[in-house]
Amino acid sequence: MDQPSCCDCGPAEDSCCGPTNSNCCGPETIDLNKKKHACPVYGTIGESVESVTVRHLVKEKLMSSVVDVDHWLCLDEDCDVAYYTETEAMFRKEDLKVPIWFKRDADPKYACYCNVITEEQVIETVVNTGVDSMKDVIAVIKGKGRSRRRVRNPAGKCCTKVLTLKAHAHTATSLHSCKC
């Protein structure tokens, strides 16, 4: 069954499928040439994140301390570090405006940061309505959705896969994957 793109819910400049990222859900989004750096606290290899993302997600008093260098998101669920740089500058979880969904103590656990949708809302919507596409889940919960992944999602990427996997893991209904 061919589903509409998950990314046709907002302006192209905000969308993960806009001119700078033509395929938010495919392997093309992974830059294999990016340097890899380990978190200075736990040693876990982090995910590269643009400084614009970090700047929008740190608390206002820290925004001016975000410099335009490579940042990494610490992927260890137990680590208090949110972002770090190769110069070992760090922002911790408590320095952010939003919780990071995969960190152990995240509350709430957002499944879609762009539309402020929690994991629980997704599960409830899928179970109660039977919708089976990302676009429909967003429409049921929020009406018209928006994609602002660069400034709302801590990873700076489309959260469609995370939302799809969470809903699928908790229900018998499978949401169709993004067709960006």
Protein backbone atom coordinates (compact mmCIF):
# COMPACT_ATOMS: atom_id res chain seq x y z
CA MET A 1 0.00 0.00 0.00
CA ASP A 2 1.49 3.30 -1.07
CA GLN A 3 1.25 5.91 1.69
CA PRO A 4 1.65 9.66 1.28
CA SER A 5 4.94 11.07 2.39
CA CYS A 6 5.23 11.76 6.10
CA CYS A 7 6.99 14.94 5.19
CA ASP A 8 4.20 16.65 3.30
CA CYS A 9 2.87 18.15 6.49
CA GLY A 10 4.76 21.43 6.53
CA PRO A 11 6.67 24.03 4.55
CA ALA A 12 9.61 22.69 2.53
CA GLU A 13 12.11 24.85 4.41
CA ASP A 14 11.08 23.19 7.69
CA SER A 15 10.68 19.72 6.27
CA CYS A 16 13.16 16.91 6.52
CA CYS A 17 12.42 16.41 2.83
CA GLY A 18 13.30 19.98 1.92
CA PRO A 19 16.09 21.05 -0.41
CA THR A 20 18.88 20.24 2.04
CA ASN A 21 17.71 16.72 2.88
CA SER A 22 15.81 14.99 0.12
CA ASN A 23 15.27 11.70 1.91
CA CYS A 24 14.83 11.77 5.67
CA CYS A 25 14.27 8.06 6.09
CA GLY A 26 16.80 6.50 3.75
CA PRO A 27 20.47 5.71 4.06
CA GLU A 28 21.24 8.91 2.16
CA THR A 29 20.77 10.84 5.41
CA ILE A 30 23.81 9.23 6.99
CA ASP A 31 27.01 11.08 6.15
CA LEU A 32 29.69 8.42 6.20
CA ASN A 33 32.41 11.07 5.87
CA LYS A 34 31.55 12.72 9.21
CA LYS A 35 34.17 12.38 11.91
CA LYS A 36 33.18 10.15 14.82
CA HIS A 37 33.79 11.28 18.36
CA ALA A 38 33.15 9.56 21.65
CA CYS A 39 31.33 11.13 24.58
CA PRO A 40 33.94 12.41 27.04
CA VAL A 41 31.99 10.88 29.97
CA TYR A 42 30.85 7.39 28.84
CA GLY A 43 32.92 6.93 25.68
CA THR A 44 29.91 6.12 23.49
CA ILE A 45 30.21 7.25 19.86
CA GLY A 46 27.75 10.09 19.34
CA GLU A 47 25.46 11.14 16.50
CA SER A 48 26.48 14.29 14.60
CA VAL A 49 24.10 17.22 15.14
CA GLU A 50 24.11 20.69 13.58
CA SER A 51 24.85 23.63 15.87
CA VAL A 52 21.52 25.21 14.83
CA THR A 53 19.75 22.28 16.50
CA VAL A 54 21.78 22.60 19.69
CA ARG A 55 21.26 26.39 19.77
CA HIS A 56 17.47 25.98 19.55
CA LEU A 57 17.26 23.29 22.21
CA VAL A 58 19.51 24.59 24.97
CA LYS A 59 17.95 26.85 27.56
CA GLU A 60 17.94 30.52 26.63
CA LYS A 61 20.72 31.50 29.04
CA LEU A 62 23.07 29.04 27.26
CA MET A 63 22.24 29.89 23.63
CA SER A 64 25.15 32.31 23.27
CA SER A 65 27.62 29.61 24.33
CA VAL A 66 26.73 27.37 21.36
CA VAL A 67 29.46 27.89 18.77
CA ASP A 68 29.39 26.83 15.12
CA VAL A 69 31.47 23.67 15.43
CA ASP A 70 30.61 20.00 15.12
CA HIS A 71 28.38 18.80 17.95
CA TRP A 72 27.48 15.24 18.84
CA LEU A 73 24.46 13.86 20.64
CA CYS A 74 25.48 11.36 23.32
CA LEU A 75 23.63 8.13 22.55
CA ASP A 76 24.13 6.46 25.94
CA GLU A 77 20.77 6.22 27.72
CA ASP A 78 22.39 6.47 31.16
CA CYS A 79 24.72 9.41 30.46
CA ASP A 80 23.77 12.91 31.62
CA VAL A 81 25.55 14.46 28.64
CA ALA A 82 23.23 15.65 25.88
CA TYR A 83 25.67 17.31 23.43
CA TYR A 84 29.45 17.57 23.28
CA THR A 85 32.11 18.91 20.91
CA GLU A 86 35.62 17.78 20.00
CA THR A 87 36.93 20.44 22.39
CA GLU A 88 34.94 18.65 25.09
CA ALA A 89 32.46 21.48 25.56
CA MET A 90 29.29 19.89 26.92
CA PHE A 91 25.62 20.50 27.46
CA ARG A 92 23.90 18.19 29.90
CA LYS A 93 20.30 16.97 29.86
CA GLU A 94 19.29 19.63 32.38
CA ASP A 95 20.64 22.32 30.00
CA LEU A 96 17.97 21.47 27.40
CA LYS A 97 14.41 22.73 26.99
CA VAL A 98 13.15 19.22 26.13
CA PRO A 99 13.92 15.71 27.36
CA ILE A 100 15.83 13.39 25.01
CA TRP A 101 13.49 10.50 24.18
CA PHE A 102 16.01 7.69 24.55
CA LYS A 103 17.56 8.81 27.82
CA ARG A 104 16.40 6.58 30.66
CA ASP A 105 14.65 9.29 32.68
CA ALA A 106 13.05 11.25 29.79
CA ASP A 107 9.67 12.61 30.84
CA PRO A 108 7.69 12.93 28.73
CA LYS A 109 9.03 10.63 26.03
CA TYR A 110 8.33 12.44 22.79
CA ALA A 111 7.78 10.33 19.71
CA CYS A 112 7.40 13.40 17.48
CA TYR A 113 9.08 16.59 18.62
CA CYS A 114 7.86 18.63 15.63
CA ASN A 115 4.23 18.19 16.66
CA VAL A 116 4.80 17.69 20.41
CA ILE A 117 3.37 14.16 20.38
CA THR A 118 4.27 11.70 23.12
CA GLU A 119 4.81 7.98 22.80
CA GLU A 120 1.65 7.37 24.84
CA GLN A 121 -0.45 9.53 22.49
CA VAL A 122 0.77 7.54 19.49
CA ILE A 123 -0.02 4.21 21.07
CA GLU A 124 -3.46 5.38 22.21
CA THR A 125 -4.26 6.78 18.75
CA VAL A 126 -3.21 3.65 16.89
CA VAL A 127 -5.08 1.35 19.27
CA ASN A 128 -8.26 3.47 19.39
CA THR A 129 -8.52 4.56 15.76
CA GLY A 130 -6.71 1.89 13.77
CA VAL A 131 -4.89 4.46 11.63
CA ASP A 132 -1.88 2.98 9.93
CA SER A 133 0.17 5.84 8.56
CA MET A 134 2.36 8.45 10.13
CA LYS A 135 0.46 11.26 8.46
CA ASP A 136 -2.86 9.93 9.83
CA VAL A 137 -1.52 9.60 13.38
CA ILE A 138 -0.38 13.22 13.30
CA ALA A 139 -3.68 14.33 11.75
CA VAL A 140 -5.75 12.57 14.44
CA ILE A 141 -3.69 14.02 17.28
CA LYS A 142 -2.86 17.52 15.98
CA GLY A 143 -4.88 18.17 12.85
CA LYS A 144 -2.35 19.64 10.45
CA GLY A 145 1.19 18.64 11.34
CA ARG A 146 4.44 20.55 10.97
CA SER A 147 7.95 19.38 10.31
CA ARG A 148 10.59 21.39 12.17
CA ARG A 149 13.09 18.67 12.90
CA ARG A 150 16.20 20.90 12.76
CA VAL A 151 14.98 23.05 15.66
CA ARG A 152 12.80 20.69 17.70
CA ASN A 153 14.24 17.17 17.59
CA PRO A 154 17.41 16.69 19.69
CA ALA A 155 18.88 14.59 16.87
CA GLY A 156 17.98 17.23 14.29
CA LYS A 157 16.46 14.54 12.10
CA CYS A 158 13.02 13.32 11.09
CA CYS A 159 11.52 11.31 13.94
CA THR A 160 9.22 9.28 11.69
CA LYS A 161 11.17 6.06 12.12
CA VAL A 162 11.18 6.42 15.90
CA LEU A 163 7.43 7.05 15.93
CA THR A 164 6.78 4.12 13.59
CA LEU A 165 8.91 1.71 15.60
CA LYS A 166 7.39 2.74 18.94
CA ALA A 167 3.84 2.36 17.69
CA HIS A 168 4.61 -0.97 16.05
CA ALA A 169 6.34 -2.32 19.14
CA HIS A 170 3.32 -1.61 21.32
CA THR A 171 0.44 -2.55 19.05
CA ALA A 172 -0.61 -5.18 16.59
CA THR A 173 -1.16 -2.46 14.00
CA SER A 174 1.85 -1.58 11.89
CA LEU A 175 2.38 2.01 10.82
CA HIS A 176 3.74 2.24 7.32
CA SER A 177 7.24 3.58 7.02
CA CYS A 178 7.97 7.03 5.72
CA LYS A 179 8.03 7.32 1.93
CA CYS A 180 10.07 10.52 1.79
